[in-house]
Protein backbone atom coordinates (compact mmCIF):
# COMPACT_ATOMS: atom_id res chain seq x y z
CA MET A 1 123.10 150.26 -50.60
CA LYS A 2 125.77 150.02 -47.90
CA MET A 3 128.44 147.50 -48.84
CA ASN A 4 129.10 144.60 -46.47
CA LYS A 5 132.78 144.25 -45.49
CA THR A 6 132.61 141.16 -43.28
CA TYR A 7 132.29 137.92 -45.25
CA ASN A 8 132.05 134.28 -44.27
CA MET A 9 131.26 131.01 -45.98
CA LYS A 10 127.51 131.72 -45.88
CA HIS A 11 128.04 134.74 -48.12
CA TYR A 12 130.32 132.74 -50.39
CA LYS A 13 127.85 129.85 -50.78
CA LYS A 14 124.97 132.28 -51.41
CA PHE A 15 127.04 133.93 -54.14
CA LEU A 16 127.69 130.55 -55.80
CA LYS A 17 123.97 129.73 -55.61
CA LEU A 18 122.94 133.04 -57.24
CA LYS A 19 125.66 132.64 -59.85
CA LYS A 20 124.40 129.17 -60.70
CA ILE A 21 120.86 130.46 -61.14
CA GLY A 22 122.13 132.95 -63.70
CA PHE A 23 122.37 136.32 -61.95
CA SER A 24 125.09 138.69 -63.17
CA THR A 25 127.89 139.84 -60.87
CA ASN A 26 126.44 143.36 -60.90
CA LYS A 27 123.00 142.08 -59.81
CA ILE A 28 124.47 139.85 -57.09
CA SER A 29 126.41 142.84 -55.80
CA GLU A 30 123.13 144.77 -55.42
CA ILE A 31 121.36 141.86 -53.74
CA MET A 32 124.11 140.94 -51.27
CA GLY A 33 125.67 144.37 -50.72
CA ILE A 34 129.15 143.09 -51.62
CA SER A 35 131.46 144.99 -53.96
CA GLN A 36 131.99 143.61 -57.46
CA PRO A 37 135.82 143.22 -57.14
CA VAL A 38 135.29 140.87 -54.18
CA LEU A 39 132.75 138.84 -56.14
CA TYR A 40 135.13 138.71 -59.10
CA PHE A 41 137.84 137.07 -56.99
CA TRP A 42 135.29 134.65 -55.55
CA SER A 43 134.32 133.66 -59.10
CA LYS A 44 138.00 132.86 -59.76
CA GLY A 45 138.20 130.45 -56.81
CA SER A 46 139.31 132.70 -53.94
CA LEU A 47 137.68 132.22 -50.53
CA PRO A 48 136.51 134.89 -48.08
CA LEU A 49 139.28 136.14 -45.82
CA ARG A 50 137.22 135.24 -42.78
CA TYR A 51 135.84 131.85 -43.72
CA SER A 52 134.57 129.53 -41.04
CA ARG A 53 136.87 127.42 -38.88
CA LYS A 54 134.62 124.47 -39.60
CA TYR A 55 135.17 124.83 -43.35
CA ARG A 56 138.94 125.12 -42.85
CA LYS A 57 139.03 121.92 -40.78
CA SER A 58 136.97 120.18 -43.45
CA SER A 59 139.36 121.32 -46.19
CA LEU A 60 142.43 120.17 -44.27
CA LYS A 61 140.78 116.81 -43.66
CA LYS A 62 140.22 116.37 -47.39
CA ILE A 63 143.82 117.35 -48.12
CA ARG A 64 145.14 114.80 -45.62
CA LYS A 65 142.98 112.11 -47.19
CA TYR A 66 144.19 113.07 -50.68
CA ASN A 67 147.85 113.05 -49.57
CA LYS A 68 147.45 109.63 -47.98
CA ILE A 69 146.00 108.16 -51.17
CA ASN A 70 148.69 109.67 -53.41
CA LYS A 71 151.66 109.14 -51.08
CA LYS A 72 152.36 105.70 -52.47
CA LEU A 73 152.15 106.95 -56.08
CA ARG A 74 154.56 109.81 -55.34
CA LYS A 75 157.05 107.41 -53.74
CA GLU A 76 156.93 105.14 -56.79
CA LYS A 77 157.43 108.06 -59.18
CA TYR A 78 160.29 109.40 -57.05
CA ARG A 79 162.09 106.03 -57.18
CA GLU A 80 161.51 105.85 -60.94
CA LEU A 81 162.85 109.36 -61.64
CA ARG A 82 165.88 108.91 -59.36
CA LEU A 83 166.98 105.96 -61.50
CA LYS A 84 166.18 107.81 -64.74
CA ILE A 85 169.52 109.57 -65.29
CA THR A 86 169.10 110.72 -68.89
CA SER A 87 170.74 113.49 -70.90
CA ASP A 88 167.58 115.58 -70.37
CA PHE A 89 167.92 115.19 -66.59
CA ALA A 90 171.62 116.13 -66.74
CA PHE A 91 170.85 119.26 -68.78
CA VAL A 92 168.13 120.31 -66.31
CA LEU A 93 170.39 119.64 -63.32
CA GLY A 94 173.21 121.71 -64.78
CA SER A 95 170.82 124.54 -65.58
CA VAL A 96 169.28 124.76 -62.10
CA LEU A 97 172.72 124.68 -60.48
CA GLY A 98 173.54 127.72 -62.60
CA ASP A 99 170.58 130.08 -63.05
CA GLY A 100 167.82 127.97 -61.51
CA CYS A 101 166.18 127.43 -58.16
CA VAL A 102 164.77 124.30 -56.49
CA THR A 103 162.69 124.56 -53.30
CA VAL A 104 160.91 121.99 -51.14
CA ARG A 105 158.78 123.25 -48.26
CA LYS A 106 155.77 122.37 -46.13
CA ARG A 107 152.60 124.44 -46.17
CA ASP A 108 149.71 123.54 -43.86
CA VAL A 109 149.59 119.74 -44.21
CA ARG A 110 150.98 119.67 -47.75
CA ASN A 111 154.54 119.29 -48.96
CA MET A 112 155.19 121.58 -51.90
CA GLY A 113 157.99 121.65 -54.46
CA GLN A 114 159.01 124.16 -57.12
CA THR A 115 161.66 124.20 -59.84
CA CYS A 116 162.33 127.35 -61.84
CA LEU A 117 164.75 128.82 -64.36
CA ILE A 118 165.00 132.53 -65.20
CA THR A 119 166.86 133.64 -68.32
CA LYS A 120 166.80 136.36 -70.98
CA ASP A 121 167.27 133.81 -73.79
CA LYS A 122 164.06 132.30 -75.14
CA ASP A 123 165.84 129.40 -76.87
CA TYR A 124 167.47 128.40 -73.58
CA ALA A 125 164.16 128.61 -71.69
CA THR A 126 162.41 126.54 -74.36
CA ASN A 127 165.12 123.85 -74.35
CA PHE A 128 165.04 123.70 -70.56
CA LYS A 129 161.24 123.34 -70.52
CA GLU A 130 161.25 120.60 -73.17
CA SER A 131 164.05 118.68 -71.42
CA LEU A 132 162.32 118.92 -68.05
CA GLU A 133 159.01 117.72 -69.50
CA ARG A 134 160.60 114.81 -71.38
CA TRP A 135 162.47 113.61 -68.29
CA SER A 136 159.75 114.11 -65.67
CA LYS A 137 156.65 113.47 -67.82
CA THR A 138 155.01 116.53 -66.20
CA ASN A 139 153.83 119.83 -67.66
CA CYS A 140 155.74 123.07 -67.04
CA LYS A 141 154.92 126.73 -67.54
CA LEU A 142 156.86 129.12 -69.78
CA ILE A 143 156.17 132.79 -68.97
CA PHE A 144 157.68 136.05 -70.26
CA TYR A 145 157.69 138.49 -67.33
CA ARG A 146 159.70 141.69 -66.77
CA ASN A 147 161.84 141.15 -69.87
CA VAL A 148 162.99 137.66 -68.84
CA TRP A 149 161.74 134.13 -69.53
CA ASN A 150 160.54 132.04 -66.58
CA VAL A 151 160.10 128.26 -66.61
CA TRP A 152 158.17 126.81 -63.65
CA SER A 153 157.47 123.26 -62.48
CA TYR A 154 155.28 122.69 -59.43
CA SER A 155 156.01 118.99 -58.98
CA LEU A 156 157.21 117.97 -55.51
CA VAL A 157 158.74 114.76 -56.89
CA VAL A 158 160.74 116.64 -59.53
CA ALA A 159 162.04 119.15 -56.97
CA LYS A 160 163.09 116.39 -54.54
CA CYS A 161 164.90 114.43 -57.28
CA LEU A 162 166.91 117.47 -58.35
CA LYS A 163 167.61 118.63 -54.79
CA ASN A 164 168.70 115.21 -53.49
CA PHE A 165 170.87 114.14 -56.44
CA ASP A 166 174.54 113.66 -55.59
CA THR A 167 176.48 115.52 -58.31
CA LYS A 168 179.53 113.31 -57.66
CA ASP A 169 177.65 110.53 -59.46
CA LEU A 170 178.10 112.48 -62.70
CA LEU A 171 181.80 111.60 -62.67
CA ILE A 172 181.02 107.89 -63.13
CA ASN A 173 178.36 108.41 -65.81
CA SER A 174 178.63 108.27 -69.59
CA GLU A 175 180.19 110.96 -71.75
CA LYS A 176 176.74 111.90 -73.05
CA ILE A 177 175.47 112.59 -69.52
CA LYS A 178 178.55 114.63 -68.65
CA SER A 179 178.25 116.68 -71.84
CA SER A 180 174.56 117.42 -71.23
CA PHE A 181 175.22 118.55 -67.67
CA LEU A 182 178.06 120.82 -68.82
CA LYS A 183 175.89 122.26 -71.61
CA GLY A 184 173.22 123.19 -69.05
CA ILE A 185 175.57 124.80 -66.56
CA PHE A 186 177.60 126.64 -69.24
CA ASP A 187 174.36 127.94 -70.77
CA ALA A 188 173.55 129.35 -67.33
CA GLU A 189 176.91 130.65 -66.11
CA GLY A 190 179.25 130.50 -69.12
CA SER A 191 180.12 133.23 -71.58
CA VAL A 192 182.07 133.50 -74.84
CA ASP A 193 184.84 136.12 -75.07
CA ILE A 194 185.25 136.62 -78.83
CA ASN A 195 188.07 139.17 -78.53
CA GLY A 196 189.99 137.04 -76.00
CA LYS A 197 189.19 133.83 -77.91
CA LYS A 198 188.11 131.91 -74.82
CA ILE A 199 185.14 130.51 -72.88
CA ILE A 200 184.69 131.79 -69.34
CA PHE A 201 182.71 130.13 -66.56
CA VAL A 202 182.13 132.04 -63.30
CA ASN A 203 180.79 130.70 -60.01
CA THR A 204 181.17 131.39 -56.28
CA SER A 205 181.00 127.73 -55.22
CA LYS A 206 184.32 125.90 -54.99
CA ASN A 207 182.51 122.54 -55.13
CA ILE A 208 180.81 123.40 -58.43
CA ILE A 209 184.10 124.69 -59.87
CA ASN A 210 185.87 121.45 -58.90
CA LEU A 211 183.04 119.39 -60.42
CA VAL A 212 183.03 121.31 -63.71
CA GLU A 213 186.82 121.16 -63.95
CA SER A 214 186.82 117.38 -63.34
CA LEU A 215 184.09 116.79 -65.93
CA LEU A 216 185.94 118.87 -68.53
CA LYS A 217 189.12 116.93 -67.80
CA SER A 218 187.29 113.61 -68.26
CA LEU A 219 186.24 114.84 -71.73
CA LYS A 220 189.91 115.73 -72.46
CA ILE A 221 189.19 119.47 -72.47
CA LYS A 222 191.93 121.44 -70.74
CA SER A 223 191.00 124.42 -68.57
CA LYS A 224 192.50 126.81 -66.05
CA VAL A 225 191.00 127.94 -62.73
CA TYR A 226 191.49 131.40 -61.26
CA ILE A 227 190.25 132.99 -58.04
CA ARG A 228 189.28 136.63 -57.96
CA HIS A 229 188.23 139.07 -55.22
CA SER A 230 185.90 141.92 -55.97
CA LYS A 231 184.09 144.66 -54.08
CA VAL A 232 181.22 144.97 -56.54
CA ARG A 233 180.74 143.07 -59.79
CA PHE A 234 178.08 142.73 -62.46
CA ILE A 235 177.03 139.66 -64.43
CA GLU A 236 174.55 140.35 -67.25
CA GLY A 237 173.18 143.39 -65.44
CA ARG A 238 172.99 141.78 -61.98
CA MET A 239 174.94 143.41 -59.16
CA LEU A 240 176.57 140.91 -56.83
CA VAL A 241 177.75 141.64 -53.29
CA PRO A 242 181.49 141.74 -52.46
CA SER A 243 182.89 138.22 -52.36
CA SER A 244 185.46 135.82 -53.73
CA TYR A 245 184.59 134.02 -56.95
CA PHE A 246 186.19 131.47 -59.23
CA ILE A 247 186.78 131.52 -62.98
CA ILE A 248 187.25 128.56 -65.31
CA GLN A 249 188.86 129.57 -68.58
CA ILE A 250 189.00 127.44 -71.74
CA GLY A 251 191.29 128.64 -74.54
CA SER A 252 193.27 127.45 -77.61
CA LYS A 253 191.73 126.19 -80.83
CA GLU A 254 192.01 122.52 -79.86
CA ASN A 255 190.13 122.90 -76.56
CA LEU A 256 187.51 125.23 -78.00
CA LYS A 257 186.89 122.83 -80.88
CA LEU A 258 186.49 119.90 -78.46
CA PHE A 259 184.06 121.95 -76.39
CA TYR A 260 182.09 122.86 -79.54
CA GLU A 261 181.91 119.23 -80.72
CA LYS A 262 181.29 117.47 -77.38
CA ILE A 263 179.31 120.06 -75.38
CA GLY A 264 178.34 123.29 -77.12
CA PHE A 265 175.63 125.76 -76.11
CA SER A 266 171.87 125.55 -76.56
CA ILE A 267 171.86 129.37 -76.62
CA LYS A 268 172.39 130.28 -80.27
CA ARG A 269 174.20 133.59 -79.65
CA LYS A 270 176.81 131.80 -77.51
CA GLN A 271 177.14 128.88 -79.93
CA ASN A 272 177.59 131.25 -82.89
CA GLY A 273 180.19 133.24 -80.94
CA LEU A 274 182.16 130.06 -80.22
CA LYS A 275 181.94 129.04 -83.88
CA ASN A 276 183.27 132.43 -84.96
CA ILE A 277 186.27 132.08 -82.62
CA ILE A 278 187.14 128.64 -84.03
CA ASN A 279 186.80 129.89 -87.62
CA SER A 280 189.02 132.89 -86.84
CA TYR A 281 192.04 130.65 -86.29
CA LYS A 282 194.28 130.22 -89.32
CA PRO A 283 194.49 126.65 -90.64
CA PHE A 284 197.65 124.76 -89.81
């Protein structure tokens, strides 16, 4: 039988009807003259590429109605989360400013939001996911893909809260909030130099460098800031384009011990490296 290559909603609805009766995908393919791969995607919720304009208008109308009903609930949740500045929120915020990504965009008539973190460390990804879920009371996805761990949240409210938060407010928050934020951002962008006996934080944003330096200072942890210029540089296998970047360096036993006690790393390999540096110093 010659396979049909032009599909509309009539074909789709007929497929659903035959499927409901109990016909197999192979049998429906013979009856309708539509290839099995197409029917497979239809069974998973996909729509025909050329579905009717009438159906599209109907779908958009339903979406608008749904958005109108839930708009008030989203506003209430947004106000609630904006005031909920917990240590979990601070850790998530620090993480997304480092290795994460927050996007808010409009698609058709819907506003969509995404929050993601990509890392090679499973313990970091797990801690980020748990912190995000505790703070936002929403479910997130943890996926291992192409040798890295991905954490995804598809909540518009969560994305807007993270994107619109003024990081300057961290300076007037409690020591616990400051420490959690620093733990998140050092997990993302910090590294432990065992041979040099120091912690190194690298970032291209002067604003983030100033913020991190001020927060460390408020916790009585001394640090030094350097600016470097490079043609090509690599961070954990990633090649970055030529640019200027900033380095925060924390050294000496006293400062490293304060960092270990007040902030630390949620990534075990970094935390163990820092512990080894502290233990390598001779007792006074």
